[in-house]
Amino acid sequence: MIFFYCAVAVILFIIICVVVIYHDTHNFVVRNYELESDKIKGAHTFVLISDLHGYSFGKNNEKLVDAIDDIKPDAVLCAGDLFTAEKNNKPIKYEPGFELARNLAKKYPFYYANGNHEYRLKIWTSAYGNFYDRYKSRLKKAGVTFLENESVKIEDSNIRITGLDLNMDYYRKMVKRKMEPGFLKRTLGDSSKKEFQILIAHNPQYFDEYANWGADLTVSGHVHGGIVRIPGFKGVISPSIALFPKYDGGHFEKDNKHLILSRGLGTHTIQVRMFNPCEIDVIRIYEAK
């Protein structure tokens, strides 16, 4: 009899896990964050998306587009990995991310910085030829602003956006590479001290360095919320195979510098999200009172 009850309990647990995983990989939530700064006037609303990895929420990601339309942001920030690039020459499922970016750029300023998968596509020319250049060119024609270690100022505001394009050394598995002093200044130039400086940086591991460089707000992705989350606690593992990563998702702060880390919209390699639904993030920045 005890064996029977144990077997039933195990079966129920497996069923619950399957249901939660299915739900969390096929649905998204909207998470809201609010910041204040004395560098800006009025209020500004941004939507942050990251790590779609070729997923679709409705035809041409219409569910995502509808949700973002309901928010009515001033701009969309994309922290990379809209698709997955593999070394084994698998066809790249880029269309869902491409259509999402193209459709959103028709309505809102769309600022896109590369994740590690865009960077892979860019450097693996032996496998993919000039695919990256064509992908980028088509999106730029659609109105997307690509920021590859570049900066732009938002018109009629005191906000500057910079996109960081990290090389693959900074996405190592298991061992975090130390970022050399002065690397960000050499790569990006100086931050803006007078303007509200936003940095789109896919890998959140280097938040201390981003803050020291001068980013008032860093937006990131990459960690997928820790893939499996322990309710009320943390994410379990990062894509770099780090257990209980320090930066797993949400809002972090250091010396009045902020990191908003998206848990992302998709998966790759480990096709699991558990107690960790997909998400888009709304960041509202208000004039400090």
Protein backbone atom coordinates (compact mmCIF):
# COMPACT_ATOMS: atom_id res chain seq x y z
CA MET A 1 0.00 0.00 0.00
CA ILE A 2 2.85 2.41 0.84
CA PHE A 3 4.42 1.63 -2.53
CA PHE A 4 1.10 2.45 -4.23
CA TYR A 5 0.81 5.83 -2.50
CA CYS A 6 4.43 6.65 -3.29
CA ALA A 7 3.87 5.75 -6.95
CA VAL A 8 0.76 7.93 -7.10
CA ALA A 9 2.65 10.81 -5.49
CA VAL A 10 5.49 10.50 -8.01
CA ILE A 11 3.05 10.39 -10.94
CA LEU A 12 1.19 13.44 -9.65
CA PHE A 13 4.47 15.31 -9.18
CA ILE A 14 5.54 14.50 -12.74
CA ILE A 15 2.16 15.62 -14.09
CA ILE A 16 2.38 18.89 -12.16
CA CYS A 17 5.91 19.50 -13.45
CA VAL A 18 4.87 18.84 -17.05
CA VAL A 19 1.87 21.18 -16.74
CA VAL A 20 3.98 23.97 -15.18
CA ILE A 21 6.73 23.61 -17.78
CA TYR A 22 4.22 23.68 -20.63
CA HIS A 23 2.51 26.75 -19.17
CA ASP A 24 5.71 28.65 -18.50
CA THR A 25 7.16 28.01 -21.98
CA HIS A 26 3.96 28.98 -23.80
CA ASN A 27 2.79 32.02 -21.84
CA PHE A 28 4.25 35.33 -20.79
CA VAL A 29 3.66 37.84 -18.02
CA VAL A 30 4.25 41.59 -17.86
CA ARG A 31 6.48 42.81 -15.05
CA ASN A 32 6.66 46.47 -14.10
CA TYR A 33 9.54 48.50 -12.67
CA GLU A 34 9.70 52.15 -11.64
CA LEU A 35 12.79 54.36 -11.25
CA GLU A 36 13.39 58.02 -10.46
CA SER A 37 16.18 60.27 -11.71
CA ASP A 38 16.99 63.95 -11.42
CA LYS A 39 18.55 63.78 -14.88
CA ILE A 40 15.26 63.65 -16.74
CA LYS A 41 12.09 65.68 -16.97
CA GLY A 42 8.64 64.20 -16.96
CA ALA A 43 8.19 60.45 -17.40
CA HIS A 44 9.39 57.90 -19.92
CA THR A 45 8.14 54.36 -20.49
CA PHE A 46 10.27 51.62 -22.04
CA VAL A 47 9.46 48.01 -22.87
CA LEU A 48 12.34 45.55 -22.53
CA ILE A 49 12.36 42.28 -24.50
CA SER A 50 15.09 39.66 -24.58
CA ASP A 51 15.90 36.04 -25.41
CA LEU A 52 13.02 35.21 -27.71
CA HIS A 53 15.11 32.44 -29.31
CA GLY A 54 12.71 31.98 -32.20
CA TYR A 55 9.56 31.48 -30.12
CA SER A 56 6.17 32.66 -31.36
CA PHE A 57 3.27 33.84 -29.24
CA GLY A 58 0.59 33.81 -31.92
CA LYS A 59 1.08 34.43 -35.64
CA ASN A 60 3.94 36.90 -36.14
CA ASN A 61 4.05 37.18 -32.34
CA GLU A 62 0.79 39.10 -32.40
CA LYS A 63 0.16 38.40 -28.70
CA LEU A 64 3.40 40.13 -27.79
CA VAL A 65 2.68 43.03 -30.12
CA ASP A 66 -0.82 43.44 -28.68
CA ALA A 67 0.53 43.42 -25.11
CA ILE A 68 3.13 46.05 -25.98
CA ASP A 69 0.51 48.16 -27.77
CA ASP A 70 -1.54 48.13 -24.57
CA ILE A 71 1.47 49.54 -22.70
CA LYS A 72 2.04 52.31 -25.28
CA PRO A 73 5.79 52.68 -24.60
CA ASP A 74 7.95 55.57 -25.69
CA ALA A 75 10.47 53.05 -27.02
CA VAL A 76 11.36 49.36 -27.06
CA LEU A 77 14.73 48.08 -25.84
CA CYS A 78 15.90 44.70 -27.13
CA ALA A 79 18.68 42.98 -25.17
CA GLY A 80 19.45 40.39 -27.84
CA ASP A 81 19.07 36.69 -28.64
CA LEU A 82 15.95 36.98 -30.78
CA PHE A 83 17.05 33.72 -32.39
CA THR A 84 19.39 30.79 -31.69
CA ALA A 85 22.61 30.30 -33.66
CA GLU A 86 24.23 26.84 -33.49
CA LYS A 87 27.59 25.68 -34.81
CA ASN A 88 26.06 22.59 -36.40
CA ASN A 89 24.62 24.61 -39.29
CA LYS A 90 21.01 24.07 -38.26
CA PRO A 91 18.62 26.41 -40.08
CA ILE A 92 18.19 29.58 -38.02
CA LYS A 93 14.64 30.21 -36.92
CA TYR A 94 15.03 33.95 -37.20
CA GLU A 95 11.60 34.81 -38.65
CA PRO A 96 9.63 35.19 -35.35
CA GLY A 97 12.13 37.65 -33.92
CA PHE A 98 12.54 39.44 -37.22
CA GLU A 99 8.78 39.94 -37.63
CA LEU A 100 8.43 41.06 -34.02
CA ALA A 101 11.16 43.66 -34.36
CA ARG A 102 9.92 44.81 -37.77
CA ASN A 103 6.32 45.21 -36.60
CA LEU A 104 7.26 47.02 -33.40
CA ALA A 105 9.68 49.35 -35.21
CA LYS A 106 6.77 50.58 -37.33
CA LYS A 107 5.19 52.00 -34.17
CA TYR A 108 7.95 52.72 -31.67
CA PRO A 109 11.64 53.59 -31.65
CA PHE A 110 13.32 50.18 -31.41
CA TYR A 111 16.85 49.93 -30.01
CA TYR A 112 18.57 46.56 -30.50
CA ALA A 113 21.89 45.37 -29.02
CA ASN A 114 23.31 41.97 -29.78
CA GLY A 115 23.23 38.96 -27.51
CA ASN A 116 25.70 36.11 -27.75
CA HIS A 117 23.63 34.42 -30.48
CA GLU A 118 23.66 37.47 -32.76
CA TYR A 119 27.40 37.75 -32.10
CA ARG A 120 27.88 34.08 -33.01
CA LEU A 121 26.07 34.60 -36.29
CA LYS A 122 28.25 37.61 -37.02
CA ILE A 123 31.57 35.79 -36.51
CA TRP A 124 30.68 32.29 -37.79
CA THR A 125 30.89 33.34 -41.43
CA SER A 126 32.28 29.96 -42.48
CA ALA A 127 28.97 28.40 -41.47
CA TYR A 128 26.51 31.21 -42.20
CA GLY A 129 28.23 33.47 -44.72
CA ASN A 130 26.86 37.01 -44.67
CA PHE A 131 23.55 36.02 -43.04
CA TYR A 132 24.12 38.45 -40.17
CA ASP A 133 24.77 41.39 -42.48
CA ARG A 134 21.61 40.65 -44.45
CA TYR A 135 19.55 40.21 -41.27
CA LYS A 136 20.84 43.47 -39.86
CA SER A 137 20.36 45.36 -43.13
CA ARG A 138 16.73 44.26 -43.47
CA LEU A 139 15.89 45.32 -39.92
CA LYS A 140 17.65 48.67 -40.30
CA LYS A 141 15.53 49.30 -43.41
CA ALA A 142 12.49 48.50 -41.24
CA GLY A 143 13.51 51.22 -38.79
CA VAL A 144 15.38 49.25 -36.13
CA THR A 145 18.32 51.06 -34.53
CA PHE A 146 21.23 48.64 -34.11
CA LEU A 147 23.72 49.61 -31.43
CA GLU A 148 26.97 47.67 -31.79
CA ASN A 149 29.18 49.50 -29.29
CA GLU A 150 27.43 52.68 -30.35
CA SER A 151 25.27 55.32 -28.68
CA VAL A 152 22.30 57.45 -29.64
CA LYS A 153 20.41 60.19 -27.88
CA ILE A 154 16.63 60.07 -27.74
CA GLU A 155 15.30 63.23 -29.32
CA ASP A 156 13.57 65.75 -27.04
CA SER A 157 14.85 64.02 -23.93
CA ASN A 158 17.92 63.87 -21.76
CA ILE A 159 18.35 60.13 -22.32
CA ARG A 160 21.26 58.44 -24.06
CA ILE A 161 21.20 54.75 -25.06
CA THR A 162 24.32 52.68 -25.63
CA GLY A 163 24.45 49.10 -26.91
CA LEU A 164 27.30 46.80 -25.83
CA ASP A 165 28.42 44.02 -28.19
CA LEU A 166 30.49 41.63 -26.05
CA ASN A 167 32.72 39.03 -27.68
CA MET A 168 32.41 35.34 -26.85
CA ASP A 169 35.17 35.44 -24.22
CA TYR A 170 32.62 37.10 -21.96
CA TYR A 171 30.13 34.25 -22.39
CA ARG A 172 32.34 31.42 -21.18
CA LYS A 173 30.77 28.39 -19.52
CA MET A 174 31.39 27.77 -15.83
CA VAL A 175 34.28 30.24 -15.45
CA LYS A 176 33.58 33.97 -15.58
CA ARG A 177 36.22 35.96 -17.41
CA LYS A 178 37.41 39.01 -15.51
CA MET A 179 36.71 42.25 -17.36
CA GLU A 180 39.91 44.22 -17.73
CA PRO A 181 40.01 47.75 -16.25
CA GLY A 182 39.13 50.29 -18.90
CA PHE A 183 37.59 47.71 -21.25
CA LEU A 184 34.21 49.42 -21.41
CA LYS A 185 35.71 52.87 -21.95
CA ARG A 186 37.89 51.53 -24.78
CA THR A 187 34.94 49.69 -26.29
CA LEU A 188 32.15 52.24 -25.80
CA GLY A 189 33.90 55.53 -25.13
CA ASP A 190 32.84 57.63 -22.15
CA SER A 191 29.42 57.38 -20.61
CA SER A 192 27.27 60.49 -20.43
CA LYS A 193 27.42 62.16 -17.04
CA LYS A 194 24.78 64.81 -17.71
CA GLU A 195 22.28 62.61 -19.55
CA PHE A 196 20.42 59.59 -18.16
CA GLN A 197 22.64 56.82 -19.49
CA ILE A 198 20.96 53.55 -20.49
CA LEU A 199 23.20 50.61 -21.38
CA ILE A 200 21.82 47.58 -23.23
CA ALA A 201 24.20 44.77 -22.23
CA HIS A 202 23.06 41.20 -22.80
CA ASN A 203 25.21 39.58 -20.09
CA PRO A 204 24.30 40.86 -16.59
CA GLN A 205 27.31 39.25 -14.89
CA TYR A 206 29.28 42.47 -15.30
CA PHE A 207 26.79 44.80 -13.63
CA ASP A 208 29.47 46.21 -11.30
CA GLU A 209 31.60 47.15 -14.31
CA TYR A 210 28.60 48.65 -16.13
CA ALA A 211 27.71 50.74 -13.08
CA ASN A 212 31.31 51.89 -12.64
CA TRP A 213 31.43 52.88 -16.32
CA GLY A 214 28.50 55.18 -15.65
CA ALA A 215 25.32 53.39 -16.72
CA ASP A 216 22.41 54.81 -14.73
CA LEU A 217 20.30 51.91 -15.99
CA THR A 218 21.56 48.65 -17.47
CA VAL A 219 19.07 46.33 -19.17
CA SER A 220 20.08 42.72 -19.71
CA GLY A 221 18.86 39.19 -20.44
CA HIS A 222 20.81 35.98 -21.09
CA VAL A 223 20.12 34.14 -17.81
CA HIS A 224 16.52 33.08 -18.63
CA GLY A 225 15.52 33.66 -15.02
CA GLY A 226 17.65 30.73 -13.91
CA ILE A 227 15.62 28.32 -16.12
CA VAL A 228 14.01 26.58 -13.14
CA ARG A 229 13.10 28.79 -10.19
CA ILE A 230 12.52 27.81 -6.61
CA PRO A 231 9.32 29.68 -5.69
CA GLY A 232 10.10 32.56 -3.35
CA PHE A 233 13.84 32.06 -3.75
CA LYS A 234 16.07 32.17 -6.86
CA GLY A 235 16.77 30.73 -10.26
CA VAL A 236 18.63 27.44 -10.17
CA ILE A 237 21.12 27.59 -13.07
CA SER A 238 22.35 30.03 -15.69
CA PRO A 239 23.30 29.33 -19.33
CA SER A 240 26.96 29.56 -18.22
CA ILE A 241 26.30 26.57 -15.91
CA ALA A 242 26.45 28.64 -12.72
CA LEU A 243 24.25 27.41 -9.88
CA PHE A 244 21.99 29.97 -8.20
CA PRO A 245 23.34 32.92 -10.23
CA LYS A 246 23.61 36.21 -8.39
CA TYR A 247 21.78 38.00 -11.18
CA ASP A 248 18.85 35.83 -12.24
CA GLY A 249 16.01 38.25 -12.94
CA GLY A 250 14.45 41.43 -11.63
CA HIS A 251 15.75 44.75 -10.28
CA PHE A 252 19.20 45.18 -8.77
CA GLU A 253 20.85 48.37 -7.51
CA LYS A 254 24.36 49.55 -6.73
CA ASP A 255 25.21 53.10 -5.66
CA ASN A 256 22.05 54.46 -7.28
CA LYS A 257 22.84 52.59 -10.52
CA HIS A 258 20.20 50.12 -11.64
CA LEU A 259 20.02 46.79 -13.46
CA ILE A 260 16.74 45.50 -14.87
CA LEU A 261 17.29 41.88 -15.85
CA SER A 262 14.64 40.29 -18.04
CA ARG A 263 13.90 36.60 -17.57
CA GLY A 264 13.36 36.43 -21.32
CA LEU A 265 10.80 35.02 -23.70
CA GLY A 266 12.16 31.69 -24.86
CA THR A 267 14.57 28.82 -24.29
CA HIS A 268 17.40 27.04 -26.04
CA THR A 269 19.46 23.91 -25.36
CA ILE A 270 17.54 23.18 -22.14
CA GLN A 271 13.96 23.47 -23.39
CA VAL A 272 12.53 24.07 -19.94
CA ARG A 273 11.10 26.93 -17.92
CA MET A 274 9.61 25.97 -14.56
CA PHE A 275 7.98 28.35 -12.07
CA ASN A 276 9.51 30.86 -14.45
CA PRO A 277 7.07 32.12 -17.09
CA CYS A 278 8.30 34.09 -20.08
CA GLU A 279 8.13 37.84 -19.60
CA ILE A 280 8.25 41.29 -21.07
CA ASP A 281 9.33 44.14 -18.81
CA VAL A 282 7.97 47.65 -18.48
CA ILE A 283 10.38 50.27 -17.12
CA ARG A 284 8.94 53.64 -16.16
CA ILE A 285 11.44 56.36 -15.34
CA TYR A 286 10.12 59.42 -13.55
CA GLU A 287 11.57 62.79 -12.79
CA ALA A 288 12.86 62.76 -9.22
CA LYS A 289 10.69 64.83 -6.89
